[in-house]
PDB file of N, CA and C in Angstrom:
ATOM      1  N   MET A   1     -18.566   8.039   7.778  1.00  0.00           N
ATOM      2  CA  MET A   1     -19.120   7.224   6.660  1.00  0.00           C
ATOM      3  C   MET A   1     -20.007   6.491   6.870  1.00  0.00           C
ATOM      4  N   ILE A   2     -20.933   6.419   5.817  1.00  0.00           N
ATOM      5  CA  ILE A   2     -22.203   5.431   6.201  1.00  0.00           C
ATOM      6  C   ILE A   2     -22.012   4.516   4.842  1.00  0.00           C
ATOM      7  N   GLN A   3     -22.074   3.313   5.329  1.00  0.00           N
ATOM      8  CA  GLN A   3     -22.108   2.476   4.012  1.00  0.00           C
ATOM      9  C   GLN A   3     -23.470   2.176   3.395  1.00  0.00           C
ATOM     10  N   THR A   4     -23.543   2.501   1.916  1.00  0.00           N
ATOM     11  CA  THR A   4     -24.693   2.423   1.035  1.00  0.00           C
ATOM     12  C   THR A   4     -25.120   1.503   0.253  1.00  0.00           C
ATOM     13  N   SER A   5     -23.980   0.389   0.306  1.00  0.00           N
ATOM     14  CA  SER A   5     -24.359  -0.722  -0.750  1.00  0.00           C
ATOM     15  C   SER A   5     -23.407  -1.772  -0.324  1.00  0.00           C
ATOM     16  N   SER A   6     -24.084  -3.111  -0.207  1.00  0.00           N
ATOM     17  CA  SER A   6     -23.644  -4.334   0.321  1.00  0.00           C
ATOM     18  C   SER A   6     -23.024  -5.190  -0.906  1.00  0.00           C
ATOM     19  N   LYS A   7     -23.282  -5.016  -2.050  1.00  0.00           N
ATOM     20  CA  LYS A   7     -22.857  -5.523  -3.072  1.00  0.00           C
ATOM     21  C   LYS A   7     -21.438  -5.002  -3.526  1.00  0.00           C
ATOM     22  N   SER A   8     -20.872  -5.890  -3.628  1.00  0.00           N
ATOM     23  CA  SER A   8     -19.258  -5.544  -4.130  1.00  0.00           C
ATOM     24  C   SER A   8     -19.071  -5.148  -5.737  1.00  0.00           C
ATOM     25  N   LEU A   9     -18.471  -3.983  -5.907  1.00  0.00           N
ATOM     26  CA  LEU A   9     -18.341  -3.556  -7.160  1.00  0.00           C
ATOM     27  C   LEU A   9     -16.751  -3.467  -7.608  1.00  0.00           C
ATOM     28  N   THR A  10     -16.918  -3.501  -9.148  1.00  0.00           N
ATOM     29  CA  THR A  10     -15.389  -3.270  -9.380  1.00  0.00           C
ATOM     30  C   THR A  10     -15.182  -1.844  -9.650  1.00  0.00           C
ATOM     31  N   LEU A  11     -14.171  -1.231  -9.456  1.00  0.00           N
ATOM     32  CA  LEU A  11     -13.739   0.282  -9.781  1.00  0.00           C
ATOM     33  C   LEU A  11     -14.440   0.807 -10.915  1.00  0.00           C
ATOM     34  N   GLN A  12     -14.420  -0.175 -12.045  1.00  0.00           N
ATOM     35  CA  GLN A  12     -14.682   0.165 -13.370  1.00  0.00           C
ATOM     36  C   GLN A  12     -16.402   0.179 -13.334  1.00  0.00           C
ATOM     37  N   GLU A  13     -17.102  -0.521 -12.663  1.00  0.00           N
ATOM     38  CA  GLU A  13     -18.360  -0.427 -12.426  1.00  0.00           C
ATOM     39  C   GLU A  13     -18.891   0.826 -11.662  1.00  0.00           C
ATOM     40  N   PHE A  14     -18.051   1.267 -10.686  1.00  0.00           N
ATOM     41  CA  PHE A  14     -18.431   2.413  -9.664  1.00  0.00           C
ATOM     42  C   PHE A  14     -18.370   3.593 -10.708  1.00  0.00           C
ATOM     43  N   LEU A  15     -17.248   3.955 -11.683  1.00  0.00           N
ATOM     44  CA  LEU A  15     -16.885   4.709 -12.240  1.00  0.00           C
ATOM     45  C   LEU A  15     -17.904   4.982 -13.471  1.00  0.00           C
ATOM     46  N   LEU A  16     -18.690   3.960 -13.614  1.00  0.00           N
ATOM     47  CA  LEU A  16     -19.826   4.227 -14.713  1.00  0.00           C
ATOM     48  C   LEU A  16     -21.177   4.462 -14.011  1.00  0.00           C
ATOM     49  N   LEU A  17     -21.132   4.447 -12.847  1.00  0.00           N
ATOM     50  CA  LEU A  17     -22.540   4.992 -12.025  1.00  0.00           C
ATOM     51  C   LEU A  17     -22.664   6.478 -12.151  1.00  0.00           C
ATOM     52  N   PRO A  18     -23.817   6.907 -12.356  1.00  0.00           N
ATOM     53  CA  PRO A  18     -23.847   8.528 -12.090  1.00  0.00           C
ATOM     54  C   PRO A  18     -23.584   9.400 -11.126  1.00  0.00           C
ATOM     55  N   GLU A  19     -23.019  10.301 -11.112  1.00  0.00           N
ATOM     56  CA  GLU A  19     -22.662  11.120 -10.029  1.00  0.00           C
ATOM     57  C   GLU A  19     -23.784  11.605  -9.072  1.00  0.00           C
ATOM     58  N   THR A  20     -23.683  11.511  -7.895  1.00  0.00           N
ATOM     59  CA  THR A  20     -24.761  11.630  -6.915  1.00  0.00           C
ATOM     60  C   THR A  20     -24.465  12.717  -5.799  1.00  0.00           C
ATOM     61  N   LYS A  21     -25.611  13.057  -4.964  1.00  0.00           N
ATOM     62  CA  LYS A  21     -25.328  13.989  -3.882  1.00  0.00           C
ATOM     63  C   LYS A  21     -26.265  13.424  -2.923  1.00  0.00           C
ATOM     64  N   PRO A  22     -25.660  13.214  -1.789  1.00  0.00           N
ATOM     65  CA  PRO A  22     -24.232  13.545  -1.416  1.00  0.00           C
ATOM     66  C   PRO A  22     -23.196  12.547  -1.982  1.00  0.00           C
ATOM     67  N   VAL A  23     -22.141  13.080  -2.358  1.00  0.00           N
ATOM     68  CA  VAL A  23     -20.909  12.295  -2.862  1.00  0.00           C
ATOM     69  C   VAL A  23     -20.673  10.935  -2.390  1.00  0.00           C
ATOM     70  N   LYS A  24     -20.533   9.927  -3.264  1.00  0.00           N
ATOM     71  CA  LYS A  24     -20.098   8.783  -2.602  1.00  0.00           C
ATOM     72  C   LYS A  24     -18.816   8.476  -3.178  1.00  0.00           C
ATOM     73  N   GLU A  25     -18.077   7.644  -2.468  1.00  0.00           N
ATOM     74  CA  GLU A  25     -16.892   7.024  -2.765  1.00  0.00           C
ATOM     75  C   GLU A  25     -16.590   5.670  -2.682  1.00  0.00           C
ATOM     76  N   TYR A  26     -15.605   5.028  -3.551  1.00  0.00           N
ATOM     77  CA  TYR A  26     -15.374   3.790  -3.481  1.00  0.00           C
ATOM     78  C   TYR A  26     -14.097   3.134  -2.730  1.00  0.00           C
ATOM     79  N   ILE A  27     -14.603   2.270  -1.690  1.00  0.00           N
ATOM     80  CA  ILE A  27     -13.351   1.797  -1.238  1.00  0.00           C
ATOM     81  C   ILE A  27     -13.694   0.304  -0.670  1.00  0.00           C
ATOM     82  N   ASN A  28     -12.571  -0.416  -1.380  1.00  0.00           N
ATOM     83  CA  ASN A  28     -12.485  -1.913  -1.369  1.00  0.00           C
ATOM     84  C   ASN A  28     -13.775  -2.515  -1.610  1.00  0.00           C
ATOM     85  N   GLY A  29     -14.114  -2.121  -2.896  1.00  0.00           N
ATOM     86  CA  GLY A  29     -15.293  -2.932  -3.545  1.00  0.00           C
ATOM     87  C   GLY A  29     -16.503  -2.155  -3.022  1.00  0.00           C
ATOM     88  N   LYS A  30     -16.418  -1.222  -1.937  1.00  0.00           N
ATOM     89  CA  LYS A  30     -17.971  -0.881  -1.626  1.00  0.00           C
ATOM     90  C   LYS A  30     -18.116   0.584  -1.812  1.00  0.00           C
ATOM     91  N   ILE A  31     -19.294   1.087  -1.849  1.00  0.00           N
ATOM     92  CA  ILE A  31     -19.725   2.477  -1.986  1.00  0.00           C
ATOM     93  C   ILE A  31     -20.176   2.970  -0.959  1.00  0.00           C
ATOM     94  N   LEU A  32     -19.706   4.175  -0.476  1.00  0.00           N
ATOM     95  CA  LEU A  32     -19.668   4.698   0.819  1.00  0.00           C
ATOM     96  C   LEU A  32     -20.049   6.001   0.518  1.00  0.00           C
ATOM     97  N   GLU A  33     -21.038   6.426   1.516  1.00  0.00           N
ATOM     98  CA  GLU A  33     -21.373   7.903   1.355  1.00  0.00           C
ATOM     99  C   GLU A  33     -20.380   8.674   2.130  1.00  0.00           C
ATOM    100  N   LYS A  34     -19.934   9.841   1.582  1.00  0.00           N
ATOM    101  CA  LYS A  34     -19.019  10.554   2.111  1.00  0.00           C
ATOM    102  C   LYS A  34     -19.429  11.590   3.149  1.00  0.00           C
ATOM    103  N   SER A  35     -18.741  11.819   4.285  1.00  0.00           N
ATOM    104  CA  SER A  35     -19.196  12.592   5.252  1.00  0.00           C
ATOM    105  C   SER A  35     -18.881  14.140   4.920  1.00  0.00           C
ATOM    106  N   MET A  36     -19.793  15.114   5.371  1.00  0.00           N
ATOM    107  CA  MET A  36     -19.202  16.412   5.009  1.00  0.00           C
ATOM    108  C   MET A  36     -18.252  17.002   5.491  1.00  0.00           C
ATOM    109  N   LEU A  37     -17.345  17.880   4.091  1.00  0.00           N
ATOM    110  CA  LEU A  37     -16.170  18.292   4.644  1.00  0.00           C
ATOM    111  C   LEU A  37     -16.199  19.544   4.932  1.00  0.00           C
ATOM    112  N   LYS A  38     -15.352  20.310   5.326  1.00  0.00           N
ATOM    113  CA  LYS A  38     -15.456  21.862   5.956  1.00  0.00           C
ATOM    114  C   LYS A  38     -14.037  22.288   5.216  1.00  0.00           C
ATOM    115  N   GLY A  39     -14.280  23.605   5.180  1.00  0.00           N
ATOM    116  CA  GLY A  39     -13.165  24.593   4.829  1.00  0.00           C
ATOM    117  C   GLY A  39     -12.434  24.284   3.471  1.00  0.00           C
ATOM    118  N   LYS A  40     -11.049  24.529   3.583  1.00  0.00           N
ATOM    119  CA  LYS A  40     -10.205  24.480   2.514  1.00  0.00           C
ATOM    120  C   LYS A  40     -10.264  23.003   1.839  1.00  0.00           C
ATOM    121  N   HIS A  41     -10.090  21.940   2.705  1.00  0.00           N
ATOM    122  CA  HIS A  41     -10.318  20.576   2.462  1.00  0.00           C
ATOM    123  C   HIS A  41     -11.600  20.240   1.666  1.00  0.00           C
ATOM    124  N   SER A  42     -12.571  20.706   2.048  1.00  0.00           N
ATOM    125  CA  SER A  42     -13.829  20.460   1.400  1.00  0.00           C
ATOM    126  C   SER A  42     -13.980  21.013  -0.115  1.00  0.00           C
ATOM    127  N   THR A  43     -13.328  22.381  -0.392  1.00  0.00           N
ATOM    128  CA  THR A  43     -13.173  22.852  -1.603  1.00  0.00           C
ATOM    129  C   THR A  43     -12.154  22.035  -2.664  1.00  0.00           C
ATOM    130  N   ILE A  44     -10.881  21.358  -2.098  1.00  0.00           N
ATOM    131  CA  ILE A  44     -10.171  20.660  -2.725  1.00  0.00           C
ATOM    132  C   ILE A  44     -10.749  19.354  -3.240  1.00  0.00           C
ATOM    133  N   GLN A  45     -11.407  18.676  -2.172  1.00  0.00           N
ATOM    134  CA  GLN A  45     -12.301  17.446  -2.543  1.00  0.00           C
ATOM    135  C   GLN A  45     -13.240  17.665  -3.539  1.00  0.00           C
ATOM    136  N   THR A  46     -14.176  18.494  -3.574  1.00  0.00           N
ATOM    137  CA  THR A  46     -15.007  18.814  -4.345  1.00  0.00           C
ATOM    138  C   THR A  46     -14.524  18.745  -5.882  1.00  0.00           C
ATOM    139  N   GLU A  47     -13.387  19.719  -5.972  1.00  0.00           N
ATOM    140  CA  GLU A  47     -13.100  19.761  -7.307  1.00  0.00           C
ATOM    141  C   GLU A  47     -12.455  18.475  -7.721  1.00  0.00           C
ATOM    142  N   LEU A  48     -11.674  17.670  -7.030  1.00  0.00           N
ATOM    143  CA  LEU A  48     -11.300  16.545  -7.350  1.00  0.00           C
ATOM    144  C   LEU A  48     -12.338  15.517  -7.594  1.00  0.00           C
ATOM    145  N   SER A  49     -13.306  15.481  -6.887  1.00  0.00           N
ATOM    146  CA  SER A  49     -14.686  14.580  -7.123  1.00  0.00           C
ATOM    147  C   SER A  49     -15.374  14.916  -8.623  1.00  0.00           C
ATOM    148  N   THR A  50     -15.538  16.398  -8.677  1.00  0.00           N
ATOM    149  CA  THR A  50     -16.195  16.717  -9.794  1.00  0.00           C
ATOM    150  C   THR A  50     -15.361  16.468 -11.365  1.00  0.00           C
ATOM    151  N   ASN A  51     -14.134  16.380 -11.076  1.00  0.00           N
ATOM    152  CA  ASN A  51     -13.117  16.443 -12.275  1.00  0.00           C
ATOM    153  C   ASN A  51     -12.638  14.765 -12.437  1.00  0.00           C
ATOM    154  N   ARG A  52     -12.919  14.080 -11.297  1.00  0.00           N
ATOM    155  CA  ARG A  52     -12.515  12.718 -11.490  1.00  0.00           C
ATOM    156  C   ARG A  52     -12.676  12.095 -12.714  1.00  0.00           C
ATOM    157  N   ARG A  53     -13.476  11.969 -13.319  1.00  0.00           N
ATOM    158  CA  ARG A  53     -13.525  11.184 -14.814  1.00  0.00           C
ATOM    159  C   ARG A  53     -12.875  11.872 -15.872  1.00  0.00           C
ATOM    160  N   ARG A  54     -12.868  13.136 -15.699  1.00  0.00           N
ATOM    161  CA  ARG A  54     -11.863  13.830 -16.514  1.00  0.00           C
ATOM    162  C   ARG A  54     -10.320  13.285 -16.456  1.00  0.00           C
ATOM    163  N   ILE A  55      -9.799  13.445 -15.176  1.00  0.00           N
ATOM    164  CA  ILE A  55      -8.511  12.818 -14.780  1.00  0.00           C
ATOM    165  C   ILE A  55      -8.263  11.653 -15.061  1.00  0.00           C
ATOM    166  N   ILE A  56      -9.215  10.857 -14.935  1.00  0.00           N
ATOM    167  CA  ILE A  56      -9.017   9.239 -15.278  1.00  0.00           C
ATOM    168  C   ILE A  56      -8.921   9.184 -16.595  1.00  0.00           C
ATOM    169  N   CYS A  57      -9.759   9.798 -17.446  1.00  0.00           N
ATOM    170  CA  CYS A  57      -9.607   9.716 -19.034  1.00  0.00           C
ATOM    171  C   CYS A  57      -8.243  10.126 -19.641  1.00  0.00           C
ATOM    172  N   MET A  58      -8.120  11.101 -18.805  1.00  0.00           N
ATOM    173  CA  MET A  58      -6.514  11.902 -19.283  1.00  0.00           C
ATOM    174  C   MET A  58      -5.632  10.690 -18.854  1.00  0.00           C
ATOM    175  N   VAL A  59      -5.460  10.155 -17.943  1.00  0.00           N
ATOM    176  CA  VAL A  59      -4.433   9.189 -17.551  1.00  0.00           C
ATOM    177  C   VAL A  59      -4.540   7.906 -18.460  1.00  0.00           C
ATOM    178  N   ILE A  60      -5.822   7.482 -18.806  1.00  0.00           N
ATOM    179  CA  ILE A  60      -6.116   6.448 -19.783  1.00  0.00           C
ATOM    180  C   ILE A  60      -5.297   6.685 -21.065  1.00  0.00           C
ATOM    181  N   GLY A  61      -5.420   7.821 -21.296  1.00  0.00           N
ATOM    182  CA  GLY A  61      -5.162   8.359 -22.608  1.00  0.00           C
ATOM    183  C   GLY A  61      -3.650   8.438 -22.779  1.00  0.00           C
ATOM    184  N   ILE A  62      -2.969   8.956 -21.588  1.00  0.00           N
ATOM    185  CA  ILE A  62      -1.626   9.193 -21.565  1.00  0.00           C
ATOM    186  C   ILE A  62      -1.036   7.325 -21.647  1.00  0.00           C
ATOM    187  N   ILE A  63      -1.698   6.665 -20.826  1.00  0.00           N
ATOM    188  CA  ILE A  63      -0.942   5.416 -20.868  1.00  0.00           C
ATOM    189  C   ILE A  63      -1.166   4.650 -22.241  1.00  0.00           C
ATOM    190  N   ASN A  64      -2.428   4.920 -22.984  1.00  0.00           N
ATOM    191  CA  ASN A  64      -2.666   4.422 -24.521  1.00  0.00           C
ATOM    192  C   ASN A  64      -1.732   4.968 -25.250  1.00  0.00           C
ATOM    193  N   TYR A  65      -1.293   6.379 -25.086  1.00  0.00           N
ATOM    194  CA  TYR A  65      -0.278   7.151 -25.906  1.00  0.00           C
ATOM    195  C   TYR A  65       1.171   6.095 -26.215  1.00  0.00           C
ATOM    196  N   PHE A  66       1.482   6.136 -24.799  1.00  0.00           N
ATOM    197  CA  PHE A  66       2.756   5.471 -24.405  1.00  0.00           C
ATOM    198  C   PHE A  66       2.941   4.036 -25.005  1.00  0.00           C
ATOM    199  N   SER A  67       1.671   3.269 -24.879  1.00  0.00           N
ATOM    200  CA  SER A  67       1.713   2.008 -25.201  1.00  0.00           C
ATOM    201  C   SER A  67       1.873   1.745 -26.960  1.00  0.00           C
ATOM    202  N   PHE A  68       1.138   2.744 -27.384  1.00  0.00           N
ATOM    203  CA  PHE A  68       1.403   3.149 -28.883  1.00  0.00           C
ATOM    204  C   PHE A  68       2.651   3.212 -29.374  1.00  0.00           C
ATOM    205  N   ILE A  69       3.097   4.307 -28.640  1.00  0.00           N
ATOM    206  CA  ILE A  69       4.636   4.630 -29.116  1.00  0.00           C
ATOM    207  C   ILE A  69       5.652   3.466 -28.913  1.00  0.00           C
ATOM    208  N   ASP A  70       5.384   2.710 -27.960  1.00  0.00           N
ATOM    209  CA  ASP A  70       6.292   1.475 -27.629  1.00  0.00           C
ATOM    210  C   ASP A  70       5.898   0.382 -28.817  1.00  0.00           C
ATOM    211  N   PHE A  71       4.668   0.383 -29.209  1.00  0.00           N
ATOM    212  CA  PHE A  71       4.392  -0.675 -30.326  1.00  0.00           C
ATOM    213  C   PHE A  71       4.889  -0.105 -31.728  1.00  0.00           C
ATOM    214  N   ILE A  72       4.952   0.962 -31.992  1.00  0.00           N
ATOM    215  CA  ILE A  72       5.702   1.498 -33.069  1.00  0.00           C
ATOM    216  C   ILE A  72       7.144   1.448 -33.213  1.00  0.00           C
ATOM    217  N   GLN A  73       7.628   1.632 -31.812  1.00  0.00           N
ATOM    218  CA  GLN A  73       9.108   1.336 -31.866  1.00  0.00           C
ATOM    219  C   GLN A  73       9.492   0.136 -31.918  1.00  0.00           C
ATOM    220  N   SER A  74       8.900  -0.923 -31.459  1.00  0.00           N
ATOM    221  CA  SER A  74       9.110  -2.401 -31.515  1.00  0.00           C
ATOM    222  C   SER A  74       8.744  -2.707 -32.998  1.00  0.00           C
ATOM    223  N   SER A  75       7.907  -2.018 -33.590  1.00  0.00           N
ATOM    224  CA  SER A  75       7.618  -2.714 -34.985  1.00  0.00           C
ATOM    225  C   SER A  75       8.758  -2.183 -35.919  1.00  0.00           C
ATOM    226  N   LEU A  76       9.127  -0.946 -35.798  1.00  0.00           N
ATOM    227  CA  LEU A  76      10.253  -0.270 -36.480  1.00  0.00           C
ATOM    228  C   LEU A  76      11.492  -1.159 -36.321  1.00  0.00           C
ATOM    229  N   LYS A  77      11.859  -1.673 -35.335  1.00  0.00           N
ATOM    230  CA  LYS A  77      13.263  -2.356 -34.846  1.00  0.00           C
ATOM    231  C   LYS A  77      13.224  -3.698 -35.677  1.00  0.00           C
ATOM    232  N   ILE A  78      11.967  -4.346 -35.853  1.00  0.00           N
ATOM    233  CA  ILE A  78      11.518  -5.954 -36.455  1.00  0.00           C
ATOM    234  C   ILE A  78      11.654  -5.548 -37.845  1.00  0.00           C
ATOM    235  N   ALA A  79      11.368  -4.351 -38.421  1.00  0.00           N
ATOM    236  CA  ALA A  79      11.410  -4.284 -39.980  1.00  0.00           C
ATOM    237  C   ALA A  79      12.839  -4.205 -40.485  1.00  0.00           C
TER     238      ALA A  79
END
């Protein structure tokens, strides 16, 4: 892997960056260029990388949903 940025970023800042080729990854606040993958691992990694924003949004949505349910349940107990 080749380091491509010396500026430290938060994960949120990294996720806001546009997708690039070659693919970059976020490790300990740094953006690193990923090395070329081969075979089945490459296929899986490509799918995960392509869909990461969708996966993150789904996870955040699930967390928000359960937070909302907890809020409603606690509100109903008070009333």
